[in-house]
N, C-alpha and C. Protein backbone atom coordinates (compact mmCIF):
# COMPACT_ATOMS: atom_id res chain seq x y z
N MET A 1 25.07 -2.77 -51.70
CA MET A 1 24.64 -1.37 -51.77
C MET A 1 23.43 -1.13 -50.88
N ILE A 2 23.39 0.03 -50.28
CA ILE A 2 22.27 0.42 -49.44
C ILE A 2 21.31 1.23 -50.31
N THR A 3 20.09 0.77 -50.42
CA THR A 3 19.10 1.47 -51.24
C THR A 3 18.43 2.59 -50.45
N MET A 4 17.79 3.50 -51.16
CA MET A 4 17.03 4.55 -50.49
C MET A 4 15.89 3.95 -49.67
N GLN A 5 15.35 2.82 -50.13
CA GLN A 5 14.30 2.14 -49.36
C GLN A 5 14.86 1.65 -48.03
N GLN A 6 16.08 1.12 -48.03
CA GLN A 6 16.69 0.67 -46.79
C GLN A 6 16.96 1.86 -45.87
N ILE A 7 17.33 2.99 -46.45
CA ILE A 7 17.60 4.17 -45.62
C ILE A 7 16.32 4.63 -44.92
N GLN A 8 15.16 4.35 -45.52
CA GLN A 8 13.90 4.70 -44.86
C GLN A 8 13.74 3.96 -43.53
N THR A 9 14.43 2.84 -43.35
CA THR A 9 14.37 2.08 -42.10
C THR A 9 15.41 2.55 -41.09
N VAL A 10 16.31 3.42 -41.51
CA VAL A 10 17.37 3.92 -40.64
C VAL A 10 16.81 5.00 -39.73
N SER A 11 16.99 4.84 -38.43
CA SER A 11 16.49 5.87 -37.51
C SER A 11 17.62 6.66 -36.85
N ASN A 12 18.87 6.16 -36.98
CA ASN A 12 19.99 6.87 -36.38
C ASN A 12 21.30 6.48 -37.08
N ALA A 13 22.38 7.12 -36.68
CA ALA A 13 23.67 6.88 -37.32
C ALA A 13 24.14 5.44 -37.13
N TYR A 14 23.81 4.84 -36.00
CA TYR A 14 24.25 3.47 -35.73
C TYR A 14 23.63 2.51 -36.74
N ASP A 15 22.36 2.72 -37.08
CA ASP A 15 21.70 1.87 -38.08
C ASP A 15 22.42 1.98 -39.42
N LEU A 16 22.81 3.20 -39.81
CA LEU A 16 23.51 3.39 -41.08
C LEU A 16 24.88 2.72 -41.05
N LEU A 17 25.59 2.84 -39.94
CA LEU A 17 26.90 2.19 -39.82
C LEU A 17 26.76 0.67 -39.93
N LYS A 18 25.75 0.11 -39.31
CA LYS A 18 25.54 -1.34 -39.36
C LYS A 18 25.29 -1.80 -40.79
N LEU A 19 24.52 -1.01 -41.55
CA LEU A 19 24.28 -1.35 -42.96
C LEU A 19 25.56 -1.21 -43.79
N ALA A 20 26.27 -0.12 -43.61
CA ALA A 20 27.46 0.15 -44.42
C ALA A 20 28.59 -0.83 -44.13
N TYR A 21 28.76 -1.18 -42.86
CA TYR A 21 29.83 -2.09 -42.48
C TYR A 21 29.38 -3.55 -42.40
N GLU A 22 28.09 -3.77 -42.69
CA GLU A 22 27.51 -5.12 -42.68
C GLU A 22 27.82 -5.86 -41.39
N THR A 23 27.51 -5.22 -40.27
CA THR A 23 27.75 -5.81 -38.96
C THR A 23 26.66 -5.36 -37.99
N THR A 24 26.44 -6.15 -36.98
CA THR A 24 25.53 -5.73 -35.90
C THR A 24 26.33 -5.29 -34.68
N ASP A 25 27.65 -5.54 -34.71
CA ASP A 25 28.52 -5.19 -33.59
C ASP A 25 29.44 -4.05 -34.02
N LEU A 26 29.08 -2.85 -33.61
CA LEU A 26 29.87 -1.68 -34.02
C LEU A 26 31.28 -1.69 -33.45
N THR A 27 31.51 -2.44 -32.38
CA THR A 27 32.85 -2.46 -31.78
C THR A 27 33.86 -3.15 -32.69
N THR A 28 33.40 -3.82 -33.74
CA THR A 28 34.33 -4.49 -34.67
C THR A 28 34.83 -3.54 -35.76
N ILE A 29 34.28 -2.35 -35.82
CA ILE A 29 34.66 -1.39 -36.86
C ILE A 29 36.01 -0.76 -36.51
N GLU A 30 36.89 -0.73 -37.50
CA GLU A 30 38.20 -0.12 -37.32
C GLU A 30 38.08 1.40 -37.34
N LEU A 31 38.79 2.04 -36.44
CA LEU A 31 38.77 3.51 -36.36
C LEU A 31 39.91 4.10 -37.17
N PRO A 32 39.72 5.31 -37.68
CA PRO A 32 38.50 6.13 -37.61
C PRO A 32 37.44 5.61 -38.59
N ILE A 33 36.20 5.99 -38.33
CA ILE A 33 35.10 5.62 -39.22
C ILE A 33 35.42 6.16 -40.61
N ASN A 34 35.25 5.32 -41.61
CA ASN A 34 35.51 5.72 -42.99
C ASN A 34 34.21 6.24 -43.60
N VAL A 35 33.98 7.53 -43.47
CA VAL A 35 32.73 8.13 -43.94
C VAL A 35 32.61 8.03 -45.46
N ASP A 36 33.74 8.03 -46.16
CA ASP A 36 33.70 7.85 -47.62
C ASP A 36 33.19 6.46 -47.98
N GLN A 37 33.59 5.46 -47.20
CA GLN A 37 33.11 4.10 -47.42
C GLN A 37 31.60 4.02 -47.18
N VAL A 38 31.14 4.68 -46.13
CA VAL A 38 29.70 4.70 -45.83
C VAL A 38 28.97 5.31 -47.03
N MET A 39 29.45 6.45 -47.52
CA MET A 39 28.80 7.12 -48.65
C MET A 39 28.83 6.25 -49.91
N ALA A 40 29.95 5.56 -50.14
CA ALA A 40 30.09 4.72 -51.33
C ALA A 40 29.11 3.55 -51.34
N HIS A 41 28.63 3.16 -50.17
CA HIS A 41 27.69 2.04 -50.08
C HIS A 41 26.23 2.47 -50.35
N ILE A 42 25.99 3.76 -50.49
CA ILE A 42 24.61 4.23 -50.68
C ILE A 42 24.32 4.37 -52.17
N ASP A 43 23.42 3.54 -52.65
CA ASP A 43 23.02 3.55 -54.05
C ASP A 43 22.26 4.83 -54.37
N GLY A 44 22.65 5.50 -55.43
CA GLY A 44 21.96 6.73 -55.83
C GLY A 44 22.52 7.98 -55.19
N LEU A 45 23.65 7.85 -54.46
CA LEU A 45 24.29 9.01 -53.84
C LEU A 45 25.59 9.29 -54.58
N SER A 46 25.71 10.50 -55.10
CA SER A 46 26.97 10.92 -55.73
C SER A 46 27.62 11.97 -54.85
N PHE A 47 28.93 12.13 -55.03
CA PHE A 47 29.69 13.05 -54.19
C PHE A 47 30.64 13.86 -55.04
N SER A 48 30.84 15.12 -54.65
CA SER A 48 31.88 15.94 -55.27
C SER A 48 32.42 16.92 -54.24
N ASN A 49 33.62 17.37 -54.48
CA ASN A 49 34.22 18.41 -53.66
C ASN A 49 35.03 19.35 -54.53
N ASP A 50 34.50 19.62 -55.72
CA ASP A 50 35.13 20.57 -56.63
C ASP A 50 34.95 21.98 -56.09
N LEU A 51 35.97 22.81 -56.25
CA LEU A 51 35.88 24.19 -55.79
C LEU A 51 34.83 24.92 -56.61
N SER A 52 33.91 25.57 -55.92
CA SER A 52 32.84 26.29 -56.58
C SER A 52 32.77 27.69 -55.98
N PHE A 53 33.01 28.70 -56.80
CA PHE A 53 32.96 30.07 -56.29
C PHE A 53 31.54 30.45 -55.88
N GLU A 54 30.57 29.83 -56.51
CA GLU A 54 29.17 30.08 -56.15
C GLU A 54 28.87 29.57 -54.73
N ASP A 55 29.59 28.52 -54.32
CA ASP A 55 29.32 27.89 -53.02
C ASP A 55 30.46 28.09 -52.01
N TRP A 56 31.36 29.02 -52.26
CA TRP A 56 32.52 29.20 -51.39
C TRP A 56 32.16 29.48 -49.94
N ASP A 57 30.96 30.03 -49.69
CA ASP A 57 30.55 30.39 -48.33
C ASP A 57 29.82 29.25 -47.62
N LYS A 58 29.80 28.07 -48.21
CA LYS A 58 29.10 26.93 -47.64
C LYS A 58 30.10 25.86 -47.23
N SER A 59 29.76 25.10 -46.19
CA SER A 59 30.58 23.95 -45.81
C SER A 59 30.23 22.77 -46.71
N GLY A 60 28.96 22.69 -47.08
CA GLY A 60 28.51 21.60 -47.92
C GLY A 60 27.03 21.65 -48.12
N TYR A 61 26.53 20.75 -48.95
CA TYR A 61 25.09 20.62 -49.12
C TYR A 61 24.76 19.23 -49.62
N ILE A 62 23.50 18.89 -49.51
CA ILE A 62 22.98 17.67 -50.09
C ILE A 62 21.70 18.06 -50.80
N LYS A 63 21.53 17.55 -52.01
CA LYS A 63 20.33 17.94 -52.76
C LYS A 63 19.80 16.75 -53.56
N VAL A 64 18.52 16.82 -53.86
CA VAL A 64 17.84 15.81 -54.65
C VAL A 64 17.89 16.21 -56.12
N ASN A 65 18.25 15.28 -56.97
CA ASN A 65 18.20 15.49 -58.42
C ASN A 65 16.96 14.80 -58.95
N ARG A 66 16.18 15.53 -59.76
CA ARG A 66 14.95 14.98 -60.31
C ARG A 66 14.97 15.08 -61.83
N ASP A 67 14.21 14.22 -62.48
CA ASP A 67 14.12 14.27 -63.93
C ASP A 67 13.13 15.35 -64.35
N SER A 68 12.89 15.46 -65.65
CA SER A 68 12.01 16.52 -66.17
C SER A 68 10.57 16.38 -65.66
N ASN A 69 10.19 15.20 -65.23
CA ASN A 69 8.86 14.98 -64.65
C ASN A 69 8.85 15.10 -63.13
N LYS A 70 9.97 15.59 -62.59
CA LYS A 70 10.17 15.78 -61.16
C LYS A 70 10.21 14.47 -60.36
N LYS A 71 10.48 13.38 -61.05
CA LYS A 71 10.62 12.09 -60.40
C LYS A 71 12.05 11.98 -59.86
N PHE A 72 12.19 11.38 -58.68
CA PHE A 72 13.49 11.21 -58.06
C PHE A 72 14.46 10.46 -58.96
N GLU A 73 15.68 11.00 -59.10
CA GLU A 73 16.74 10.32 -59.84
C GLU A 73 17.88 9.92 -58.91
N SER A 74 18.40 10.89 -58.16
CA SER A 74 19.56 10.62 -57.31
C SER A 74 19.71 11.73 -56.27
N VAL A 75 20.70 11.55 -55.43
CA VAL A 75 21.02 12.56 -54.42
C VAL A 75 22.49 12.92 -54.60
N HIS A 76 22.79 14.21 -54.50
CA HIS A 76 24.18 14.66 -54.64
C HIS A 76 24.63 15.35 -53.36
N LEU A 77 25.80 14.96 -52.88
CA LEU A 77 26.40 15.55 -51.68
C LEU A 77 27.67 16.28 -52.11
N TRP A 78 27.79 17.52 -51.71
CA TRP A 78 28.97 18.33 -52.03
C TRP A 78 29.58 18.85 -50.73
N VAL A 79 30.92 18.85 -50.67
CA VAL A 79 31.65 19.37 -49.52
C VAL A 79 32.69 20.36 -50.02
N ASN A 80 32.84 21.46 -49.30
CA ASN A 80 33.78 22.51 -49.67
C ASN A 80 35.22 22.01 -49.50
N PRO A 81 36.00 21.95 -50.59
CA PRO A 81 37.36 21.42 -50.51
C PRO A 81 38.34 22.36 -49.82
N SER A 82 37.95 23.61 -49.58
CA SER A 82 38.87 24.56 -48.96
C SER A 82 38.90 24.41 -47.43
N GLU A 83 38.01 23.59 -46.89
CA GLU A 83 37.99 23.38 -45.44
C GLU A 83 38.94 22.25 -45.06
N VAL A 84 39.39 22.25 -43.82
CA VAL A 84 40.32 21.22 -43.35
C VAL A 84 39.65 19.85 -43.44
N ALA A 85 40.46 18.81 -43.55
CA ALA A 85 39.95 17.45 -43.76
C ALA A 85 38.97 17.01 -42.68
N GLN A 86 39.26 17.31 -41.43
CA GLN A 86 38.35 16.90 -40.35
C GLN A 86 36.99 17.58 -40.49
N ARG A 87 36.99 18.84 -40.88
CA ARG A 87 35.73 19.55 -41.07
C ARG A 87 34.96 18.94 -42.25
N GLN A 88 35.68 18.57 -43.31
CA GLN A 88 35.02 17.94 -44.45
C GLN A 88 34.38 16.61 -44.03
N ARG A 89 35.07 15.82 -43.21
CA ARG A 89 34.51 14.56 -42.72
C ARG A 89 33.22 14.81 -41.93
N PHE A 90 33.27 15.81 -41.05
CA PHE A 90 32.09 16.11 -40.24
C PHE A 90 30.94 16.58 -41.13
N THR A 91 31.26 17.40 -42.13
CA THR A 91 30.22 17.90 -43.03
C THR A 91 29.58 16.75 -43.81
N LYS A 92 30.40 15.80 -44.29
CA LYS A 92 29.84 14.63 -44.98
C LYS A 92 28.86 13.89 -44.06
N ALA A 93 29.29 13.64 -42.83
CA ALA A 93 28.44 12.92 -41.88
C ALA A 93 27.18 13.73 -41.56
N HIS A 94 27.33 15.04 -41.45
CA HIS A 94 26.19 15.94 -41.20
C HIS A 94 25.18 15.84 -42.34
N GLU A 95 25.68 15.89 -43.57
CA GLU A 95 24.79 15.82 -44.73
C GLU A 95 24.11 14.45 -44.82
N LEU A 96 24.80 13.39 -44.40
CA LEU A 96 24.16 12.08 -44.35
C LEU A 96 23.01 12.09 -43.34
N GLY A 97 23.16 12.88 -42.29
CA GLY A 97 22.06 13.06 -41.34
C GLY A 97 20.85 13.70 -42.00
N HIS A 98 21.09 14.69 -42.85
CA HIS A 98 19.99 15.29 -43.61
C HIS A 98 19.37 14.27 -44.57
N LEU A 99 20.21 13.44 -45.18
CA LEU A 99 19.69 12.40 -46.08
C LEU A 99 18.72 11.49 -45.34
N VAL A 100 19.15 11.00 -44.18
CA VAL A 100 18.34 10.05 -43.40
C VAL A 100 17.07 10.69 -42.85
N HIS A 101 17.21 11.86 -42.26
CA HIS A 101 16.08 12.46 -41.54
C HIS A 101 15.21 13.42 -42.34
N ASP A 102 15.81 14.10 -43.32
CA ASP A 102 15.08 15.17 -44.00
C ASP A 102 14.76 14.89 -45.46
N ILE A 103 15.60 14.12 -46.13
CA ILE A 103 15.40 13.90 -47.56
C ILE A 103 14.66 12.61 -47.85
N VAL A 104 15.19 11.48 -47.40
CA VAL A 104 14.60 10.19 -47.75
C VAL A 104 13.14 10.06 -47.30
N PRO A 105 12.77 10.53 -46.10
CA PRO A 105 11.35 10.40 -45.73
C PRO A 105 10.39 11.14 -46.67
N LYS A 106 10.90 12.14 -47.39
CA LYS A 106 10.05 12.96 -48.26
C LYS A 106 10.51 12.89 -49.71
N ILE A 107 11.27 11.87 -50.04
CA ILE A 107 11.96 11.82 -51.34
C ILE A 107 11.00 11.82 -52.53
N HIS A 108 9.81 11.30 -52.35
CA HIS A 108 8.86 11.26 -53.47
C HIS A 108 7.87 12.43 -53.46
N ASN A 109 7.98 13.30 -52.47
CA ASN A 109 7.17 14.52 -52.42
C ASN A 109 7.97 15.60 -53.16
N ILE A 110 7.56 15.95 -54.35
CA ILE A 110 8.37 16.84 -55.20
C ILE A 110 8.58 18.23 -54.63
N SER A 111 7.78 18.63 -53.65
CA SER A 111 7.95 19.97 -53.09
C SER A 111 8.85 19.96 -51.85
N GLU A 112 9.31 18.80 -51.42
CA GLU A 112 10.11 18.71 -50.20
C GLU A 112 11.50 18.14 -50.49
N GLY A 113 12.42 18.44 -49.60
CA GLY A 113 13.73 17.81 -49.63
C GLY A 113 14.60 18.16 -50.80
N GLU A 114 14.44 19.37 -51.34
CA GLU A 114 15.22 19.71 -52.53
C GLU A 114 16.69 19.98 -52.23
N LYS A 115 17.00 20.75 -51.17
CA LYS A 115 18.40 21.08 -50.91
C LYS A 115 18.57 21.49 -49.46
N PHE A 116 19.59 20.92 -48.83
CA PHE A 116 19.95 21.29 -47.47
C PHE A 116 21.38 21.80 -47.52
N VAL A 117 21.57 23.02 -47.07
CA VAL A 117 22.86 23.69 -47.20
C VAL A 117 23.41 23.99 -45.82
N GLU A 118 24.67 23.63 -45.62
CA GLU A 118 25.37 23.94 -44.38
C GLU A 118 26.19 25.21 -44.63
N LYS A 119 25.79 26.30 -44.00
CA LYS A 119 26.46 27.59 -44.21
C LYS A 119 27.65 27.76 -43.27
N LEU A 120 28.67 28.44 -43.77
CA LEU A 120 29.80 28.84 -42.94
C LEU A 120 29.42 30.10 -42.18
N ASN A 121 30.03 30.29 -41.03
CA ASN A 121 29.87 31.52 -40.26
C ASN A 121 28.41 31.92 -40.09
N ARG A 122 27.60 30.98 -39.68
CA ARG A 122 26.20 31.30 -39.45
C ARG A 122 26.08 32.25 -38.27
N ASP A 123 24.93 32.84 -38.12
CA ASP A 123 24.73 33.83 -37.06
C ASP A 123 24.54 33.20 -35.69
N GLY A 124 24.71 31.90 -35.58
CA GLY A 124 24.57 31.23 -34.29
C GLY A 124 23.22 30.59 -34.09
N ALA A 125 22.23 30.98 -34.87
CA ALA A 125 20.90 30.39 -34.76
C ALA A 125 20.90 29.08 -35.54
N VAL A 126 20.67 27.98 -34.82
CA VAL A 126 20.68 26.68 -35.46
C VAL A 126 19.31 26.05 -35.25
N ASN A 127 18.67 25.69 -36.35
CA ASN A 127 17.33 25.13 -36.23
C ASN A 127 17.39 23.64 -35.86
N PHE A 128 16.23 23.07 -35.64
CA PHE A 128 16.12 21.67 -35.22
C PHE A 128 16.78 20.73 -36.21
N GLN A 129 16.57 20.95 -37.51
CA GLN A 129 17.14 20.06 -38.52
C GLN A 129 18.67 20.08 -38.48
N GLU A 130 19.25 21.26 -38.28
CA GLU A 130 20.71 21.38 -38.22
C GLU A 130 21.26 20.72 -36.96
N ARG A 131 20.59 20.91 -35.83
CA ARG A 131 21.04 20.27 -34.58
C ARG A 131 20.96 18.75 -34.71
N ARG A 132 19.87 18.26 -35.31
CA ARG A 132 19.70 16.82 -35.48
C ARG A 132 20.78 16.26 -36.42
N ALA A 133 21.10 16.98 -37.49
CA ALA A 133 22.16 16.54 -38.41
C ALA A 133 23.53 16.56 -37.72
N ASN A 134 23.77 17.55 -36.86
CA ASN A 134 25.02 17.58 -36.10
C ASN A 134 25.11 16.39 -35.15
N LYS A 135 24.02 16.08 -34.49
CA LYS A 135 24.00 14.93 -33.58
C LYS A 135 24.24 13.64 -34.35
N PHE A 136 23.62 13.50 -35.52
CA PHE A 136 23.81 12.34 -36.37
C PHE A 136 25.29 12.21 -36.74
N ALA A 137 25.90 13.33 -37.14
CA ALA A 137 27.31 13.32 -37.53
C ALA A 137 28.20 12.87 -36.37
N ALA A 138 27.92 13.39 -35.18
CA ALA A 138 28.71 13.01 -34.00
C ALA A 138 28.56 11.51 -33.72
N GLN A 139 27.35 11.00 -33.84
CA GLN A 139 27.12 9.57 -33.60
C GLN A 139 27.78 8.72 -34.68
N LEU A 140 27.78 9.19 -35.92
CA LEU A 140 28.37 8.43 -37.02
C LEU A 140 29.89 8.37 -36.87
N LEU A 141 30.52 9.49 -36.58
CA LEU A 141 31.97 9.56 -36.51
C LEU A 141 32.53 9.10 -35.16
N MET A 142 31.72 9.21 -34.10
CA MET A 142 32.15 8.86 -32.75
C MET A 142 31.08 8.00 -32.08
N PRO A 143 30.87 6.77 -32.58
CA PRO A 143 29.81 5.93 -32.02
C PRO A 143 30.03 5.63 -30.54
N LEU A 144 28.95 5.62 -29.78
CA LEU A 144 28.98 5.46 -28.34
C LEU A 144 29.86 4.29 -27.90
N ASP A 145 29.63 3.09 -28.43
CA ASP A 145 30.38 1.91 -27.98
C ASP A 145 31.87 2.04 -28.27
N LEU A 146 32.22 2.65 -29.39
CA LEU A 146 33.63 2.82 -29.73
C LEU A 146 34.28 3.90 -28.87
N VAL A 147 33.54 4.95 -28.54
CA VAL A 147 34.07 5.97 -27.63
C VAL A 147 34.32 5.34 -26.26
N LYS A 148 33.33 4.56 -25.77
CA LYS A 148 33.50 3.89 -24.46
C LYS A 148 34.74 3.02 -24.46
N ASN A 149 34.93 2.22 -25.52
CA ASN A 149 36.11 1.35 -25.60
C ASN A 149 37.40 2.15 -25.54
N GLU A 150 37.46 3.23 -26.30
CA GLU A 150 38.70 4.02 -26.33
C GLU A 150 38.94 4.77 -25.03
N VAL A 151 37.88 5.24 -24.38
CA VAL A 151 38.02 5.89 -23.07
C VAL A 151 38.55 4.87 -22.07
N ASN A 152 37.99 3.66 -22.08
CA ASN A 152 38.46 2.62 -21.16
C ASN A 152 39.93 2.27 -21.40
N LYS A 153 40.34 2.19 -22.67
CA LYS A 153 41.75 1.92 -22.99
C LYS A 153 42.65 3.03 -22.46
N LEU A 154 42.20 4.26 -22.63
CA LEU A 154 42.98 5.41 -22.16
C LEU A 154 43.12 5.38 -20.64
N VAL A 155 42.02 5.09 -19.95
CA VAL A 155 42.05 5.01 -18.48
C VAL A 155 43.02 3.91 -18.03
N GLU A 156 42.93 2.74 -18.67
CA GLU A 156 43.83 1.63 -18.33
C GLU A 156 45.28 2.02 -18.56
N GLN A 157 45.54 2.69 -19.68
CA GLN A 157 46.90 3.10 -20.01
C GLN A 157 47.48 4.04 -18.96
N VAL A 158 46.73 5.07 -18.61
CA VAL A 158 47.28 6.04 -17.64
C VAL A 158 47.37 5.43 -16.24
N GLN A 159 46.45 4.52 -15.89
CA GLN A 159 46.55 3.84 -14.60
C GLN A 159 47.79 2.96 -14.57
N HIS A 160 48.06 2.27 -15.67
CA HIS A 160 49.25 1.42 -15.79
C HIS A 160 50.52 2.26 -15.64
N GLU A 161 50.47 3.49 -16.16
CA GLU A 161 51.61 4.40 -16.05
C GLU A 161 51.67 5.07 -14.69
N GLY A 162 50.65 4.84 -13.85
CA GLY A 162 50.63 5.39 -12.50
C GLY A 162 50.36 6.88 -12.45
N ARG A 163 49.53 7.36 -13.34
CA ARG A 163 49.22 8.78 -13.38
C ARG A 163 47.76 8.99 -13.76
N THR A 164 47.34 10.23 -13.84
CA THR A 164 46.00 10.55 -14.32
C THR A 164 46.15 11.40 -15.58
N ALA A 165 45.17 11.30 -16.43
CA ALA A 165 45.19 12.10 -17.67
C ALA A 165 44.36 13.36 -17.46
N THR A 166 44.80 14.45 -18.06
CA THR A 166 44.01 15.67 -18.01
C THR A 166 42.88 15.55 -19.04
N VAL A 167 41.87 16.37 -18.88
CA VAL A 167 40.77 16.38 -19.84
C VAL A 167 41.29 16.75 -21.22
N ASP A 168 42.16 17.75 -21.28
CA ASP A 168 42.72 18.17 -22.58
C ASP A 168 43.52 17.05 -23.23
N GLU A 169 44.29 16.30 -22.44
CA GLU A 169 45.06 15.18 -22.98
C GLU A 169 44.13 14.11 -23.54
N ALA A 170 43.07 13.80 -22.80
CA ALA A 170 42.10 12.78 -23.24
C ALA A 170 41.42 13.22 -24.53
N ILE A 171 40.99 14.47 -24.59
CA ILE A 171 40.33 14.99 -25.79
C ILE A 171 41.28 14.94 -26.98
N THR A 172 42.52 15.34 -26.79
CA THR A 172 43.50 15.34 -27.87
C THR A 172 43.75 13.93 -28.39
N LYS A 173 43.96 12.97 -27.48
CA LYS A 173 44.22 11.58 -27.90
C LYS A 173 43.01 10.98 -28.60
N LEU A 174 41.84 11.19 -28.03
CA LEU A 174 40.63 10.62 -28.62
C LEU A 174 40.29 11.26 -29.96
N SER A 175 40.51 12.57 -30.09
CA SER A 175 40.21 13.23 -31.37
C SER A 175 41.13 12.70 -32.46
N ALA A 176 42.38 12.35 -32.13
CA ALA A 176 43.29 11.77 -33.10
C ALA A 176 42.83 10.37 -33.51
N ILE A 177 42.38 9.58 -32.55
CA ILE A 177 41.91 8.21 -32.83
C ILE A 177 40.69 8.24 -33.75
N PHE A 178 39.77 9.16 -33.48
CA PHE A 178 38.52 9.23 -34.25
C PHE A 178 38.62 10.15 -35.46
N ASN A 179 39.76 10.83 -35.62
CA ASN A 179 39.99 11.76 -36.72
C ASN A 179 38.89 12.82 -36.80
N VAL A 180 38.66 13.46 -35.65
CA VAL A 180 37.73 14.58 -35.56
C VAL A 180 38.45 15.72 -34.86
N SER A 181 37.89 16.89 -34.92
CA SER A 181 38.49 18.03 -34.24
C SER A 181 38.40 17.85 -32.72
N THR A 182 39.28 18.53 -32.01
CA THR A 182 39.20 18.47 -30.55
C THR A 182 37.89 19.07 -30.06
N GLN A 183 37.39 20.07 -30.78
CA GLN A 183 36.10 20.67 -30.41
C GLN A 183 34.98 19.65 -30.53
N ALA A 184 34.94 18.90 -31.65
CA ALA A 184 33.90 17.89 -31.85
C ALA A 184 34.00 16.80 -30.78
N MET A 185 35.23 16.36 -30.47
CA MET A 185 35.40 15.33 -29.45
C MET A 185 35.00 15.86 -28.08
N GLY A 186 35.34 17.09 -27.79
CA GLY A 186 34.94 17.69 -26.51
C GLY A 186 33.43 17.72 -26.36
N PHE A 187 32.72 18.14 -27.40
CA PHE A 187 31.25 18.16 -27.37
C PHE A 187 30.69 16.75 -27.18
N ARG A 188 31.30 15.78 -27.89
CA ARG A 188 30.81 14.39 -27.80
C ARG A 188 31.00 13.83 -26.40
N LEU A 189 32.17 14.08 -25.81
CA LEU A 189 32.43 13.60 -24.44
C LEU A 189 31.50 14.26 -23.43
N LYS A 190 31.19 15.53 -23.64
CA LYS A 190 30.22 16.20 -22.77
C LYS A 190 28.83 15.59 -22.94
N ASP A 191 28.44 15.37 -24.19
CA ASP A 191 27.14 14.80 -24.49
C ASP A 191 26.98 13.41 -23.87
N LEU A 192 28.08 12.66 -23.81
CA LEU A 192 28.04 11.30 -23.25
C LEU A 192 28.27 11.29 -21.74
N GLY A 193 28.51 12.46 -21.15
CA GLY A 193 28.64 12.55 -19.71
C GLY A 193 30.03 12.25 -19.16
N TYR A 194 31.03 12.17 -20.02
CA TYR A 194 32.39 11.90 -19.56
C TYR A 194 33.05 13.14 -18.97
N ILE A 195 32.70 14.30 -19.47
CA ILE A 195 33.25 15.55 -18.92
C ILE A 195 32.12 16.54 -18.72
N LYS A 196 32.38 17.53 -17.86
CA LYS A 196 31.35 18.54 -17.59
C LYS A 196 31.60 19.80 -18.38
């Protein structure tokens, strides 16, 4: 189990993957990344995806549960079950980004880190914490070394077939391998410099 103390040493998604999969070589991880397995390895983290009419307008949230003396008890992550499976996976990874960067560093400060909510249909304004959580999610679900390996395999395959792959074909194949949306894979490939 990964303790909250261990999470304090995590600086990025790769560190969390190494702890959850108990490896230093991320290329040994089978794709797609099992975000549920990562969550199950975190001690003190509970998860639910029960339909909640109060939260129907949210993709998900992560919140700190405290006892009557406001002492830390646990962390709860919720994901909206009405969203498609790939979106739920991304939301879980996004909320883990909030856990690492926004909650655990302030977990014993009773006035901080109470609840981070991912809203649906936001007005387009995304603050630093949300951008950082999105980046964490992309790194968790599409780790750099694994993306490089799969891109190289795809290049070898199409060269062997004596053709070139279109950007759309590459994005579609890679999004299926990583079990993410084509939009998420497109952003990740742009971020890594594979496409413009």
